[in-house]
Amino acid sequence: MNTIVSVAIVGMANKLARTVWTLVAHQREYQKNYVSVRPY
């Protein structure tokens, strides 16, 4: 596997891990159409 593909896979795994951690830490259920609102 080349380096670019490896970096992409690690990046996607990182994003998934952060999403799962946030859901567990805040005791929330996954919402498919959730849109984050930027605080002002």
C-alpha atoms as a PDB file:
ATOM      1  CA  MET A   1       0.000   0.000   0.000  1.00  0.00           C
ATOM      2  CA  ASN A   2       1.384   3.416  -0.790  1.00  0.00           C
ATOM      3  CA  THR A   3       1.821   6.231   1.707  1.00  0.00           C
ATOM      4  CA  ILE A   4      -1.037   8.405   0.442  1.00  0.00           C
ATOM      5  CA  VAL A   5      -3.578   5.616   0.862  1.00  0.00           C
ATOM      6  CA  SER A   6      -2.246   4.839   4.336  1.00  0.00           C
ATOM      7  CA  VAL A   7      -2.544   8.480   5.389  1.00  0.00           C
ATOM      8  CA  ALA A   8      -6.118   8.631   4.089  1.00  0.00           C
ATOM      9  CA  ILE A   9      -7.088   5.461   5.959  1.00  0.00           C
ATOM     10  CA  VAL A  10      -5.589   6.734   9.218  1.00  0.00           C
ATOM     11  CA  GLY A  11      -7.377  10.065   8.781  1.00  0.00           C
ATOM     12  CA  MET A  12     -10.749   8.400   8.251  1.00  0.00           C
ATOM     13  CA  ALA A  13     -10.190   6.089  11.240  1.00  0.00           C
ATOM     14  CA  ASN A  14      -9.282   9.114  13.380  1.00  0.00           C
ATOM     15  CA  LYS A  15     -12.472  10.926  12.388  1.00  0.00           C
ATOM     16  CA  LEU A  16     -14.579   7.856  13.181  1.00  0.00           C
ATOM     17  CA  ALA A  17     -12.851   7.390  16.544  1.00  0.00           C
ATOM     18  CA  ARG A  18     -13.449  11.048  17.491  1.00  0.00           C
ATOM     19  CA  THR A  19     -17.118  10.751  16.505  1.00  0.00           C
ATOM     20  CA  VAL A  20     -17.624   7.578  18.554  1.00  0.00           C
ATOM     21  CA  TRP A  21     -15.766   9.040  21.550  1.00  0.00           C
ATOM     22  CA  THR A  22     -17.961  12.164  21.479  1.00  0.00           C
ATOM     23  CA  LEU A  23     -21.162  10.133  21.320  1.00  0.00           C
ATOM     24  CA  VAL A  24     -20.100   7.930  24.236  1.00  0.00           C
ATOM     25  CA  ALA A  25     -18.682  10.778  26.339  1.00  0.00           C
ATOM     26  CA  HIS A  26     -21.851  12.870  25.990  1.00  0.00           C
ATOM     27  CA  GLN A  27     -24.231   9.875  26.111  1.00  0.00           C
ATOM     28  CA  ARG A  28     -25.890  10.765  22.814  1.00  0.00           C
ATOM     29  CA  GLU A  29     -27.323   8.680  20.022  1.00  0.00           C
ATOM     30  CA  TYR A  30     -26.006   9.017  16.494  1.00  0.00           C
ATOM     31  CA  GLN A  31     -28.162  11.357  14.383  1.00  0.00           C
ATOM     32  CA  LYS A  32     -27.652  10.789  10.681  1.00  0.00           C
ATOM     33  CA  ASN A  33     -28.672  14.313   9.592  1.00  0.00           C
ATOM     34  CA  TYR A  34     -27.044  16.235  12.474  1.00  0.00           C
ATOM     35  CA  VAL A  35     -25.533  19.581  11.486  1.00  0.00           C
ATOM     36  CA  SER A  36     -23.104  21.243  13.857  1.00  0.00           C
ATOM     37  CA  VAL A  37     -23.753  24.922  14.544  1.00  0.00           C
ATOM     38  CA  ARG A  38     -20.717  27.159  14.905  1.00  0.00           C
ATOM     39  CA  PRO A  39     -20.815  29.242  18.107  1.00  0.00           C
ATOM     40  CA  TYR A  40     -20.499  33.001  17.706  1.00  0.00           C
END
